[in-house]
Structures are given as C-alpha cells and as structure tokens.
Amino acid sequence: MPMVNSSLFRRIELQLLMNLTAHALGKKSQRIWTLKNAEALKAYAKYTSSNLQAGANQALLKRMNSEAYKMGRLLRCLFLIRHEARAQRLIVALYRNIGIKLSFENSRQLCFHSCYFSRFYTPQACKAASALDDGIIRGILGLESEHLHFSQRITEGCKQCKAQLIIDN
C-alpha cells in the first residue's frame, strides 16, 4: 500500500478525520490538508483536544463512532480489503500516518506503543477520541458487533495503550 505512505495521502487522511470529527461535533471543520504534515497533525490534535477536553456525552460518542465507522467501511471498499491480514496492515499504516505506532498482538488484541495525541489529550479526551478509533478500526476490519475496549491508556500513565475487540451483548 505505497499510496498510503505519500505526503498528500497523509494530509487527506487528516482532513477526512477533521471533517468527520467536526460533523459529529456539529461544528465547522478546519481546512488542514493544505498544511505541511506536521502542522496538519498538530492542528487536528489541538482541535480534538479542545473539543473533547472534558470528555463527551453518550450521544456525541455515538455520532463520532458512527461517522468513523462509515469512514472505515469506505476505506475498506477503496482499498479492496477482503482479508483480515490486509485490513490489519492498512490500519497499522493509517495510524502510523497520524503519529500512532500500533500492532496487532492477535486478531482481536491491539497494542498502541506510542501516540502523538497523548501529548495533547487529557484522559477524558482520550476516552472520547477512542470512539473514533473504535469506528475506524471496526469499519476497516468489517466488524459490526464487536467494539474496542481499552484496558490501558498512555494518558492514564501507562507505557502503552492496550485494547481488545469484544462482542457486546
């Protein structure tokens, strides 16, 4: 997936994230795709941090998750994802583009080794932003009934974030 590693793609990815986040928040999106990669990433981090500083109510979390899931499904279609291994590679590449180093420990467990956003987020903002992670990851993997549950977070003093995809009852 060489295209994913291009500078233009990274900025477009960030703009899409900005747009879906702003839409879920009911706010105007900022134009960041024309900025340099580092500036666009910082602008998005500050935008989400300021809007999610105190966390989010259930309705907002649901909207954020829904918008992110749609984006994940779209990416699954655009990249012709048919197999879990390819979906996982795409997720790792997309997250690397936004300053997050992650790996799949197995098909349902993820480890976020480092996160650019942890410098900006409060624990509450991190929990709220996780609704975006859940939606995008589930959408790319093609999962409907499973959700991402975090057991560790960098913003809460842990060395890394740990999450697992669990079927909700």
Protein backbone atom coordinates (compact mmCIF):
# COMPACT_ATOMS: atom_id res chain seq x y z
CA MET A 1 0.00 0.00 0.00
CA PRO A 2 2.60 2.55 -1.10
CA MET A 3 -0.01 5.25 -1.74
CA VAL A 4 -0.86 5.33 1.98
CA ASN A 5 2.70 6.45 2.72
CA SER A 6 2.58 9.54 0.49
CA SER A 7 2.62 13.01 1.99
CA LEU A 8 -0.54 14.01 0.14
CA PHE A 9 -2.41 10.93 1.35
CA ARG A 10 -1.43 11.68 4.97
CA ARG A 11 -2.83 15.20 4.70
CA ILE A 12 -6.02 13.96 3.03
CA GLU A 13 -6.39 11.33 5.77
CA LEU A 14 -6.10 14.04 8.42
CA GLN A 15 -8.61 16.23 6.59
CA LEU A 16 -11.09 13.35 6.45
CA LEU A 17 -10.61 12.82 10.19
CA MET A 18 -11.12 16.53 10.78
CA ASN A 19 -14.28 16.54 8.68
CA LEU A 20 -15.86 13.52 10.36
CA THR A 21 -14.95 14.79 13.83
CA ALA A 22 -16.36 18.26 13.13
CA HIS A 23 -19.51 16.75 11.63
CA ALA A 24 -20.06 14.59 14.73
CA LEU A 25 -19.44 17.62 16.96
CA GLY A 26 -21.84 19.73 14.90
CA LYS A 27 -19.06 22.25 14.28
CA LYS A 28 -17.30 23.72 11.29
CA SER A 29 -14.32 21.78 10.03
CA GLN A 30 -10.93 23.45 9.72
CA ARG A 31 -9.06 23.24 6.43
CA ILE A 32 -5.83 21.41 7.27
CA TRP A 33 -4.97 19.36 4.18
CA THR A 34 -3.05 22.29 2.69
CA LEU A 35 -0.72 22.46 5.71
CA LYS A 36 2.53 20.55 5.99
CA ASN A 37 2.07 17.09 7.53
CA ALA A 38 3.38 18.04 10.98
CA GLU A 39 1.30 21.23 11.06
CA ALA A 40 -1.86 19.40 9.94
CA LEU A 41 -1.35 16.72 12.60
CA LYS A 42 -0.82 19.33 15.31
CA ALA A 43 -3.88 21.31 14.17
CA TYR A 44 -6.06 18.19 14.33
CA ALA A 45 -4.67 17.23 17.74
CA LYS A 46 -5.40 20.71 19.11
CA TYR A 47 -8.88 20.74 17.55
CA THR A 48 -9.88 17.39 19.04
CA SER A 49 -8.20 18.16 22.36
CA SER A 50 -10.03 21.46 22.78
CA ASN A 51 -13.38 19.96 21.81
CA LEU A 52 -13.05 16.77 23.86
CA GLN A 53 -11.10 18.13 26.86
CA ALA A 54 -13.84 17.25 29.34
CA GLY A 55 -14.89 14.07 27.53
CA ALA A 56 -18.17 13.59 25.70
CA ASN A 57 -21.74 12.55 26.37
CA GLN A 58 -23.15 9.28 25.03
CA ALA A 59 -24.94 10.93 22.10
CA LEU A 60 -21.71 12.57 20.90
CA LEU A 61 -19.72 9.36 21.35
CA LYS A 62 -22.31 7.51 19.28
CA ARG A 63 -22.16 10.13 16.50
CA MET A 64 -18.36 10.09 16.48
CA ASN A 65 -18.33 6.30 16.36
CA SER A 66 -20.91 6.19 13.58
CA GLU A 67 -19.05 8.73 11.42
CA ALA A 68 -15.75 6.91 11.98
CA TYR A 69 -17.33 3.54 11.17
CA LYS A 70 -18.60 4.94 7.85
CA MET A 71 -15.09 6.17 7.06
CA GLY A 72 -13.63 2.77 7.95
CA ARG A 73 -16.13 1.00 5.69
CA LEU A 74 -15.31 3.42 2.87
CA LEU A 75 -11.58 2.77 3.30
CA ARG A 76 -12.28 -0.98 3.31
CA CYS A 77 -14.01 -0.60 -0.07
CA LEU A 78 -11.46 1.82 -1.57
CA PHE A 79 -8.54 -0.45 -0.69
CA LEU A 80 -10.42 -3.60 -1.75
CA ILE A 81 -9.96 -5.22 1.65
CA ARG A 82 -11.10 -8.85 1.60
CA HIS A 83 -8.83 -10.44 4.19
CA GLU A 84 -8.15 -9.66 7.82
CA ALA A 85 -4.36 -9.55 7.38
CA ARG A 86 -4.66 -6.87 4.69
CA ALA A 87 -7.10 -4.90 6.85
CA GLN A 88 -4.64 -5.02 9.75
CA ARG A 89 -1.79 -3.79 7.53
CA LEU A 90 -3.93 -0.88 6.35
CA ILE A 91 -4.85 0.04 9.93
CA VAL A 92 -1.20 -0.02 11.02
CA ALA A 93 -0.21 2.18 8.04
CA LEU A 94 -3.05 4.67 8.55
CA TYR A 95 -2.30 5.03 12.25
CA ARG A 96 1.42 5.45 11.56
CA ASN A 97 0.44 8.40 9.33
CA ILE A 98 -1.15 10.15 12.30
CA GLY A 99 1.67 9.54 14.76
CA ILE A 100 0.40 6.35 16.37
CA LYS A 101 2.53 3.22 16.41
CA LEU A 102 0.33 0.18 16.86
CA SER A 103 0.45 -3.55 16.30
CA PHE A 104 -1.99 -6.41 16.41
CA GLU A 105 -0.97 -8.89 19.08
CA ASN A 106 -3.55 -11.26 17.62
CA SER A 107 -6.70 -10.82 15.55
CA ARG A 108 -8.59 -9.12 18.38
CA GLN A 109 -5.90 -7.51 20.58
CA LEU A 110 -4.11 -4.27 19.75
CA CYS A 111 -1.16 -2.56 21.35
CA PHE A 112 -0.67 1.17 20.82
CA HIS A 113 3.05 1.54 21.53
CA SER A 114 3.17 5.31 21.16
CA CYS A 115 0.64 8.02 20.42
CA TYR A 116 1.25 11.56 19.19
CA PHE A 117 -2.10 12.67 20.65
CA SER A 118 -1.18 11.65 24.20
CA ARG A 119 0.80 14.92 24.43
CA PHE A 120 -2.39 16.90 23.88
CA TYR A 121 -5.17 14.79 25.39
CA THR A 122 -6.49 14.59 28.91
CA PRO A 123 -7.60 11.09 29.95
CA GLN A 124 -11.20 12.22 29.27
CA ALA A 125 -10.34 13.47 25.78
CA CYS A 126 -8.51 10.22 25.07
CA LYS A 127 -11.51 8.14 26.11
CA ALA A 128 -13.80 10.25 23.95
CA ALA A 129 -11.45 10.10 20.94
CA SER A 130 -11.39 6.31 21.31
CA ALA A 131 -14.89 6.31 19.80
CA LEU A 132 -13.19 7.35 16.56
CA ASP A 133 -10.62 4.55 16.86
CA ASP A 134 -13.34 2.01 17.50
CA GLY A 135 -15.37 3.08 14.48
CA ILE A 136 -12.49 3.29 12.01
CA ILE A 137 -10.89 0.02 13.08
CA ARG A 138 -14.20 -1.88 13.08
CA GLY A 139 -15.12 -0.41 9.70
CA ILE A 140 -11.84 -1.44 8.07
CA LEU A 141 -12.00 -4.90 9.63
CA GLY A 142 -15.64 -5.27 8.60
CA LEU A 143 -16.88 -5.88 12.15
CA GLU A 144 -20.34 -4.83 13.29
CA SER A 145 -20.97 -6.40 16.68
CA GLU A 146 -17.52 -6.06 18.23
CA HIS A 147 -16.21 -2.92 19.92
CA LEU A 148 -12.78 -1.75 21.01
CA HIS A 149 -12.32 -1.84 24.79
CA PHE A 150 -9.20 -0.26 26.28
CA SER A 151 -7.59 -1.77 29.38
CA GLN A 152 -4.57 0.60 29.44
CA ARG A 153 -4.02 4.15 28.20
CA ILE A 154 -0.90 6.26 27.86
CA THR A 155 -2.87 9.30 29.04
CA GLU A 156 -3.52 7.50 32.33
CA GLY A 157 0.17 6.91 32.98
CA CYS A 158 0.66 3.55 31.26
CA LYS A 159 3.61 2.93 28.94
CA GLN A 160 1.27 1.93 26.13
CA CYS A 161 -2.40 1.54 25.32
CA LYS A 162 -3.89 -1.93 25.18
CA ALA A 163 -7.23 -2.64 23.58
CA GLN A 164 -9.30 -5.65 22.66
CA LEU A 165 -12.17 -6.14 20.24
CA ILE A 166 -15.00 -7.69 22.24
CA ILE A 167 -18.50 -8.69 21.18
CA ASP A 168 -21.00 -6.51 23.03
CA ASN A 169 -24.09 -8.19 24.42
